[in-house]
Amino acid sequence: MNDWSWGVLGLGGLSLVGLLWAEWQNRRAARALFKSLCSLGFLLFALSLGVDGWFAQLVLVGLLLSAVGDVLLLFGSSRAFLAGLGAFLLAHLAYLGAFVQVGTPSLGGLLLVLAMGYGWLRWLWPHLGGWKAPVLAYGVVISLMFWAGLGTAQSEIWLGALLFYLSDLFVARQRFVVQQPLNPLLGLPLYYAAQYLLAWAAR
């Protein structure tokens, strides 16, 4: 990595610390600032490493759409949440398109993803109310992305896909089950670790 990459990585780490503090203290303005910096960080990190080839460009599209989703989720309305869900769904489609170029999804991976998907769907379903259709659609797409990620030999990809998948469970818990500081305090480090890993994979 070059000096720019290390600098961006440092900015991302410090911004994540600030974001976790803002979540713990429930500081809305600070949350918006630090979350925006964190998301800008993984975009700049990918760009600092170079974006050459179709795989890297699709990953960059996924990162960009994720950053858009991050900003939308800063707003508390249901409309903004739905728009953010849509942005992340498109991001997962971009990641899916990238992953299938460098790996082959396996039957074993499919069985694992189906088992995990059944578990989270059974857990969430009673809490979803009118959100069942969009959450189910999103769940299918992120599961496909996760399955494709598991089919690659690059640890940055399958680990990034796994961490992204797990981080969304905390988002769902916060939105639909119970609002607790524990959800973002655990989910956000998983999410940003996932995005930086995927940015690293695109180098």
C-alpha atoms as a PDB file:
ATOM      1  CA  MET A   1       0.000   0.000   0.000  1.00  0.00           C
ATOM      2  CA  ASN A   2       1.135   3.563  -0.628  1.00  0.00           C
ATOM      3  CA  ASP A   3       1.179   6.452   1.852  1.00  0.00           C
ATOM      4  CA  TRP A   4      -2.213   7.675   0.646  1.00  0.00           C
ATOM      5  CA  SER A   5      -3.746   4.261   1.333  1.00  0.00           C
ATOM      6  CA  TRP A   6      -2.338   4.172   4.864  1.00  0.00           C
ATOM      7  CA  GLY A   7      -3.584   7.705   5.499  1.00  0.00           C
ATOM      8  CA  VAL A   8      -7.091   6.863   4.318  1.00  0.00           C
ATOM      9  CA  LEU A   9      -7.073   3.697   6.424  1.00  0.00           C
ATOM     10  CA  GLY A  10      -6.077   5.716   9.468  1.00  0.00           C
ATOM     11  CA  LEU A  11      -8.843   8.230   8.800  1.00  0.00           C
ATOM     12  CA  GLY A  12     -11.332   5.401   8.530  1.00  0.00           C
ATOM     13  CA  GLY A  13     -10.223   3.894  11.829  1.00  0.00           C
ATOM     14  CA  LEU A  14     -10.404   7.186  13.703  1.00  0.00           C
ATOM     15  CA  SER A  15     -13.781   7.974  12.140  1.00  0.00           C
ATOM     16  CA  LEU A  16     -15.116   4.599  13.267  1.00  0.00           C
ATOM     17  CA  VAL A  17     -14.036   5.306  16.835  1.00  0.00           C
ATOM     18  CA  GLY A  18     -15.825   8.651  16.610  1.00  0.00           C
ATOM     19  CA  LEU A  19     -18.924   6.991  15.157  1.00  0.00           C
ATOM     20  CA  LEU A  20     -19.097   4.420  17.948  1.00  0.00           C
ATOM     21  CA  TRP A  21     -18.749   7.207  20.512  1.00  0.00           C
ATOM     22  CA  ALA A  22     -21.548   9.164  18.806  1.00  0.00           C
ATOM     23  CA  GLU A  23     -23.786   6.084  18.814  1.00  0.00           C
ATOM     24  CA  TRP A  24     -23.095   5.450  22.498  1.00  0.00           C
ATOM     25  CA  GLN A  25     -23.773   9.080  23.399  1.00  0.00           C
ATOM     26  CA  ASN A  26     -26.691   9.384  20.954  1.00  0.00           C
ATOM     27  CA  ARG A  27     -25.178  12.460  19.267  1.00  0.00           C
ATOM     28  CA  ARG A  28     -27.038  12.751  15.976  1.00  0.00           C
ATOM     29  CA  ALA A  29     -24.867  15.419  14.364  1.00  0.00           C
ATOM     30  CA  ALA A  30     -21.662  13.627  15.312  1.00  0.00           C
ATOM     31  CA  ARG A  31     -23.126  10.331  14.056  1.00  0.00           C
ATOM     32  CA  ALA A  32     -23.849  11.879  10.655  1.00  0.00           C
ATOM     33  CA  LEU A  33     -20.357  13.384  10.417  1.00  0.00           C
ATOM     34  CA  PHE A  34     -18.406  10.307  11.451  1.00  0.00           C
ATOM     35  CA  LYS A  35     -20.541   7.879   9.459  1.00  0.00           C
ATOM     36  CA  SER A  36     -20.074   9.979   6.338  1.00  0.00           C
ATOM     37  CA  LEU A  37     -16.309  10.028   6.933  1.00  0.00           C
ATOM     38  CA  CYS A  38     -16.232   6.257   7.463  1.00  0.00           C
ATOM     39  CA  SER A  39     -18.081   5.628   4.222  1.00  0.00           C
ATOM     40  CA  LEU A  40     -16.009   8.156   2.318  1.00  0.00           C
ATOM     41  CA  GLY A  41     -12.999   6.359   3.732  1.00  0.00           C
ATOM     42  CA  PHE A  42     -13.691   3.001   2.114  1.00  0.00           C
ATOM     43  CA  LEU A  43     -14.331   4.700  -1.224  1.00  0.00           C
ATOM     44  CA  LEU A  44     -11.040   6.588  -1.056  1.00  0.00           C
ATOM     45  CA  PHE A  45      -9.266   3.444   0.121  1.00  0.00           C
ATOM     46  CA  ALA A  46     -10.394   1.546  -2.967  1.00  0.00           C
ATOM     47  CA  LEU A  47      -9.405   4.420  -5.238  1.00  0.00           C
ATOM     48  CA  SER A  48      -5.997   4.732  -3.575  1.00  0.00           C
ATOM     49  CA  LEU A  49      -5.271   1.077  -4.362  1.00  0.00           C
ATOM     50  CA  GLY A  50      -6.302   1.406  -7.999  1.00  0.00           C
ATOM     51  CA  VAL A  51      -9.476   0.326  -9.754  1.00  0.00           C
ATOM     52  CA  ASP A  52      -8.316  -1.680 -12.738  1.00  0.00           C
ATOM     53  CA  GLY A  53     -10.445  -4.270 -14.461  1.00  0.00           C
ATOM     54  CA  TRP A  54     -14.086  -5.248 -14.451  1.00  0.00           C
ATOM     55  CA  PHE A  55     -13.944  -6.979 -11.054  1.00  0.00           C
ATOM     56  CA  ALA A  56     -12.505  -3.918  -9.295  1.00  0.00           C
ATOM     57  CA  GLN A  57     -14.942  -1.587 -11.038  1.00  0.00           C
ATOM     58  CA  LEU A  58     -17.945  -3.642  -9.926  1.00  0.00           C
ATOM     59  CA  VAL A  59     -16.623  -3.656  -6.359  1.00  0.00           C
ATOM     60  CA  LEU A  60     -16.256   0.130  -6.560  1.00  0.00           C
ATOM     61  CA  VAL A  61     -19.871   0.399  -7.722  1.00  0.00           C
ATOM     62  CA  GLY A  62     -20.889  -1.720  -4.732  1.00  0.00           C
ATOM     63  CA  LEU A  63     -18.929   0.519  -2.394  1.00  0.00           C
ATOM     64  CA  LEU A  64     -20.460   3.656  -3.888  1.00  0.00           C
ATOM     65  CA  LEU A  65     -24.006   2.317  -3.592  1.00  0.00           C
ATOM     66  CA  SER A  66     -23.270   1.257  -0.020  1.00  0.00           C
ATOM     67  CA  ALA A  67     -22.103   4.777   0.805  1.00  0.00           C
ATOM     68  CA  VAL A  68     -25.364   6.127  -0.624  1.00  0.00           C
ATOM     69  CA  GLY A  69     -27.254   3.639   1.539  1.00  0.00           C
ATOM     70  CA  ASP A  70     -25.295   4.748   4.601  1.00  0.00           C
ATOM     71  CA  VAL A  71     -26.320   8.354   4.063  1.00  0.00           C
ATOM     72  CA  LEU A  72     -29.976   7.416   3.515  1.00  0.00           C
ATOM     73  CA  LEU A  73     -30.064   5.384   6.730  1.00  0.00           C
ATOM     74  CA  LEU A  74     -29.044   8.493   8.668  1.00  0.00           C
ATOM     75  CA  PHE A  75     -32.605   9.718   8.195  1.00  0.00           C
ATOM     76  CA  GLY A  76     -35.171   8.179  10.476  1.00  0.00           C
ATOM     77  CA  SER A  77     -38.139   7.967   8.116  1.00  0.00           C
ATOM     78  CA  SER A  78     -39.528   4.751   6.666  1.00  0.00           C
ATOM     79  CA  ARG A  79     -39.160   6.177   3.164  1.00  0.00           C
ATOM     80  CA  ALA A  80     -35.461   6.834   3.691  1.00  0.00           C
ATOM     81  CA  PHE A  81     -34.990   3.369   5.165  1.00  0.00           C
ATOM     82  CA  LEU A  82     -36.669   1.793   2.135  1.00  0.00           C
ATOM     83  CA  ALA A  83     -34.482   3.851  -0.213  1.00  0.00           C
ATOM     84  CA  GLY A  84     -31.411   2.808   1.758  1.00  0.00           C
ATOM     85  CA  LEU A  85     -32.513  -0.818   1.534  1.00  0.00           C
ATOM     86  CA  GLY A  86     -32.771  -0.407  -2.233  1.00  0.00           C
ATOM     87  CA  ALA A  87     -29.292   1.125  -2.464  1.00  0.00           C
ATOM     88  CA  PHE A  88     -27.789  -1.758  -0.508  1.00  0.00           C
ATOM     89  CA  LEU A  89     -29.704  -4.301  -2.597  1.00  0.00           C
ATOM     90  CA  LEU A  90     -28.115  -2.834  -5.729  1.00  0.00           C
ATOM     91  CA  ALA A  91     -24.737  -2.842  -3.983  1.00  0.00           C
ATOM     92  CA  HIS A  92     -25.071  -6.558  -3.292  1.00  0.00           C
ATOM     93  CA  LEU A  93     -25.948  -7.179  -6.926  1.00  0.00           C
ATOM     94  CA  ALA A  94     -22.746  -5.364  -7.924  1.00  0.00           C
ATOM     95  CA  TYR A  95     -20.728  -7.456  -5.459  1.00  0.00           C
ATOM     96  CA  LEU A  96     -22.439 -10.604  -6.716  1.00  0.00           C
ATOM     97  CA  GLY A  97     -21.454  -9.729 -10.282  1.00  0.00           C
ATOM     98  CA  ALA A  98     -17.874  -9.197  -9.155  1.00  0.00           C
ATOM     99  CA  PHE A  99     -17.580 -12.371  -7.071  1.00  0.00           C
ATOM    100  CA  VAL A 100     -18.838 -14.767  -9.734  1.00  0.00           C
ATOM    101  CA  GLN A 101     -15.952 -13.626 -11.942  1.00  0.00           C
ATOM    102  CA  VAL A 102     -13.333 -14.907  -9.510  1.00  0.00           C
ATOM    103  CA  GLY A 103     -15.010 -17.922  -7.929  1.00  0.00           C
ATOM    104  CA  THR A 104     -17.504 -20.740  -8.294  1.00  0.00           C
ATOM    105  CA  PRO A 105     -20.336 -21.018  -5.742  1.00  0.00           C
ATOM    106  CA  SER A 106     -20.516 -24.502  -4.221  1.00  0.00           C
ATOM    107  CA  LEU A 107     -23.324 -26.744  -3.028  1.00  0.00           C
ATOM    108  CA  GLY A 108     -21.855 -26.741   0.472  1.00  0.00           C
ATOM    109  CA  GLY A 109     -21.893 -22.950   0.505  1.00  0.00           C
ATOM    110  CA  LEU A 110     -25.493 -22.943  -0.684  1.00  0.00           C
ATOM    111  CA  LEU A 111     -26.562 -25.269   2.129  1.00  0.00           C
ATOM    112  CA  LEU A 112     -24.834 -23.049   4.692  1.00  0.00           C
ATOM    113  CA  VAL A 113     -26.473 -19.898   3.309  1.00  0.00           C
ATOM    114  CA  LEU A 114     -29.895 -21.547   3.212  1.00  0.00           C
ATOM    115  CA  ALA A 115     -29.562 -22.678   6.827  1.00  0.00           C
ATOM    116  CA  MET A 116     -28.485 -19.208   7.972  1.00  0.00           C
ATOM    117  CA  GLY A 117     -31.214 -17.562   5.902  1.00  0.00           C
ATOM    118  CA  TYR A 118     -33.880 -19.810   7.393  1.00  0.00           C
ATOM    119  CA  GLY A 119     -32.647 -18.920  10.878  1.00  0.00           C
ATOM    120  CA  TRP A 120     -32.727 -15.152  10.450  1.00  0.00           C
ATOM    121  CA  LEU A 121     -36.014 -15.216   8.535  1.00  0.00           C
ATOM    122  CA  ARG A 122     -37.729 -17.260  11.236  1.00  0.00           C
ATOM    123  CA  TRP A 123     -36.351 -14.866  13.864  1.00  0.00           C
ATOM    124  CA  LEU A 124     -37.357 -11.662  12.063  1.00  0.00           C
ATOM    125  CA  TRP A 125     -40.649 -12.658  10.446  1.00  0.00           C
ATOM    126  CA  PRO A 126     -42.958 -11.976  13.439  1.00  0.00           C
ATOM    127  CA  HIS A 127     -41.491  -8.453  13.786  1.00  0.00           C
ATOM    128  CA  LEU A 128     -41.637  -7.298  10.156  1.00  0.00           C
ATOM    129  CA  GLY A 129     -45.265  -6.248   9.793  1.00  0.00           C
ATOM    130  CA  GLY A 130     -45.668  -4.545   6.419  1.00  0.00           C
ATOM    131  CA  TRP A 131     -41.948  -4.865   5.658  1.00  0.00           C
ATOM    132  CA  LYS A 132     -42.051  -8.584   4.861  1.00  0.00           C
ATOM    133  CA  ALA A 133     -41.782  -8.255   1.058  1.00  0.00           C
ATOM    134  CA  PRO A 134     -38.886  -5.740   0.873  1.00  0.00           C
ATOM    135  CA  VAL A 135     -36.930  -7.471   3.642  1.00  0.00           C
ATOM    136  CA  LEU A 136     -37.423 -10.868   1.998  1.00  0.00           C
ATOM    137  CA  ALA A 137     -36.246  -9.496  -1.367  1.00  0.00           C
ATOM    138  CA  TYR A 138     -33.219  -7.926   0.279  1.00  0.00           C
ATOM    139  CA  GLY A 139     -32.497 -11.130   2.178  1.00  0.00           C
ATOM    140  CA  VAL A 140     -32.497 -13.179  -1.013  1.00  0.00           C
ATOM    141  CA  VAL A 141     -30.046 -10.820  -2.721  1.00  0.00           C
ATOM    142  CA  ILE A 142     -27.610 -10.531   0.196  1.00  0.00           C
ATOM    143  CA  SER A 143     -27.733 -14.320   0.584  1.00  0.00           C
ATOM    144  CA  LEU A 144     -26.806 -14.742  -3.084  1.00  0.00           C
ATOM    145  CA  MET A 145     -23.961 -12.272  -2.612  1.00  0.00           C
ATOM    146  CA  PHE A 146     -22.766 -14.190   0.458  1.00  0.00           C
ATOM    147  CA  TRP A 147     -22.976 -17.504  -1.395  1.00  0.00           C
ATOM    148  CA  ALA A 148     -20.948 -16.117  -4.299  1.00  0.00           C
ATOM    149  CA  GLY A 149     -18.394 -14.718  -1.859  1.00  0.00           C
ATOM    150  CA  LEU A 150     -17.987 -18.109  -0.200  1.00  0.00           C
ATOM    151  CA  GLY A 151     -17.156 -19.577  -3.591  1.00  0.00           C
ATOM    152  CA  THR A 152     -13.971 -17.546  -3.984  1.00  0.00           C
ATOM    153  CA  ALA A 153     -10.466 -18.457  -2.838  1.00  0.00           C
ATOM    154  CA  GLN A 154      -9.690 -14.910  -1.683  1.00  0.00           C
ATOM    155  CA  SER A 155     -10.068 -14.598   2.079  1.00  0.00           C
ATOM    156  CA  GLU A 156     -10.767 -10.859   1.800  1.00  0.00           C
ATOM    157  CA  ILE A 157     -13.832 -11.601  -0.298  1.00  0.00           C
ATOM    158  CA  TRP A 158     -15.501 -14.417   1.624  1.00  0.00           C
ATOM    159  CA  LEU A 159     -14.662 -12.841   4.982  1.00  0.00           C
ATOM    160  CA  GLY A 160     -15.917  -9.452   3.787  1.00  0.00           C
ATOM    161  CA  ALA A 161     -19.132 -11.051   2.524  1.00  0.00           C
ATOM    162  CA  LEU A 162     -19.614 -12.875   5.838  1.00  0.00           C
ATOM    163  CA  LEU A 163     -19.033  -9.762   7.942  1.00  0.00           C
ATOM    164  CA  PHE A 164     -21.405  -7.737   5.758  1.00  0.00           C
ATOM    165  CA  TYR A 165     -24.066 -10.428   6.146  1.00  0.00           C
ATOM    166  CA  LEU A 166     -23.663 -10.512   9.929  1.00  0.00           C
ATOM    167  CA  SER A 167     -23.660  -6.717  10.247  1.00  0.00           C
ATOM    168  CA  ASP A 168     -27.057  -6.532   8.564  1.00  0.00           C
ATOM    169  CA  LEU A 169     -28.534  -8.755  11.260  1.00  0.00           C
ATOM    170  CA  PHE A 170     -27.776  -5.994  13.768  1.00  0.00           C
ATOM    171  CA  VAL A 171     -29.346  -3.411  11.447  1.00  0.00           C
ATOM    172  CA  ALA A 172     -32.466  -5.581  11.253  1.00  0.00           C
ATOM    173  CA  ARG A 173     -32.499  -6.090  15.017  1.00  0.00           C
ATOM    174  CA  GLN A 174     -32.256  -2.342  15.586  1.00  0.00           C
ATOM    175  CA  ARG A 175     -34.973  -1.528  13.072  1.00  0.00           C
ATOM    176  CA  PHE A 176     -37.488  -4.316  13.693  1.00  0.00           C
ATOM    177  CA  VAL A 177     -36.837  -6.073  16.997  1.00  0.00           C
ATOM    178  CA  VAL A 178     -35.341  -3.862  19.711  1.00  0.00           C
ATOM    179  CA  GLN A 179     -33.447  -0.562  19.638  1.00  0.00           C
ATOM    180  CA  GLN A 180     -30.332  -0.834  21.771  1.00  0.00           C
ATOM    181  CA  PRO A 181     -26.879   0.796  21.638  1.00  0.00           C
ATOM    182  CA  LEU A 182     -25.461  -2.718  21.416  1.00  0.00           C
ATOM    183  CA  ASN A 183     -26.764  -3.118  17.863  1.00  0.00           C
ATOM    184  CA  PRO A 184     -24.683  -0.361  16.216  1.00  0.00           C
ATOM    185  CA  LEU A 185     -21.754  -0.926  18.575  1.00  0.00           C
ATOM    186  CA  LEU A 186     -21.442  -4.473  17.267  1.00  0.00           C
ATOM    187  CA  GLY A 187     -22.853  -4.056  13.773  1.00  0.00           C
ATOM    188  CA  LEU A 188     -20.890  -1.015  12.622  1.00  0.00           C
ATOM    189  CA  PRO A 189     -17.379  -2.467  13.153  1.00  0.00           C
ATOM    190  CA  LEU A 190     -18.467  -5.601  11.277  1.00  0.00           C
ATOM    191  CA  TYR A 191     -19.885  -3.507   8.439  1.00  0.00           C
ATOM    192  CA  TYR A 192     -16.894  -1.237   7.973  1.00  0.00           C
ATOM    193  CA  ALA A 193     -14.431  -4.106   8.307  1.00  0.00           C
ATOM    194  CA  ALA A 194     -16.374  -5.826   5.514  1.00  0.00           C
ATOM    195  CA  GLN A 195     -16.252  -2.811   3.224  1.00  0.00           C
ATOM    196  CA  TYR A 196     -12.547  -2.201   3.725  1.00  0.00           C
ATOM    197  CA  LEU A 197     -11.836  -5.896   3.085  1.00  0.00           C
ATOM    198  CA  LEU A 198     -13.805  -5.762  -0.148  1.00  0.00           C
ATOM    199  CA  ALA A 199     -12.022  -2.566  -1.167  1.00  0.00           C
ATOM    200  CA  TRP A 200      -8.715  -4.321  -0.461  1.00  0.00           C
ATOM    201  CA  ALA A 201      -9.805  -7.298  -2.599  1.00  0.00           C
ATOM    202  CA  ALA A 202     -10.303  -4.970  -5.579  1.00  0.00           C
ATOM    203  CA  ARG A 203      -6.661  -3.830  -5.608  1.00  0.00           C
END
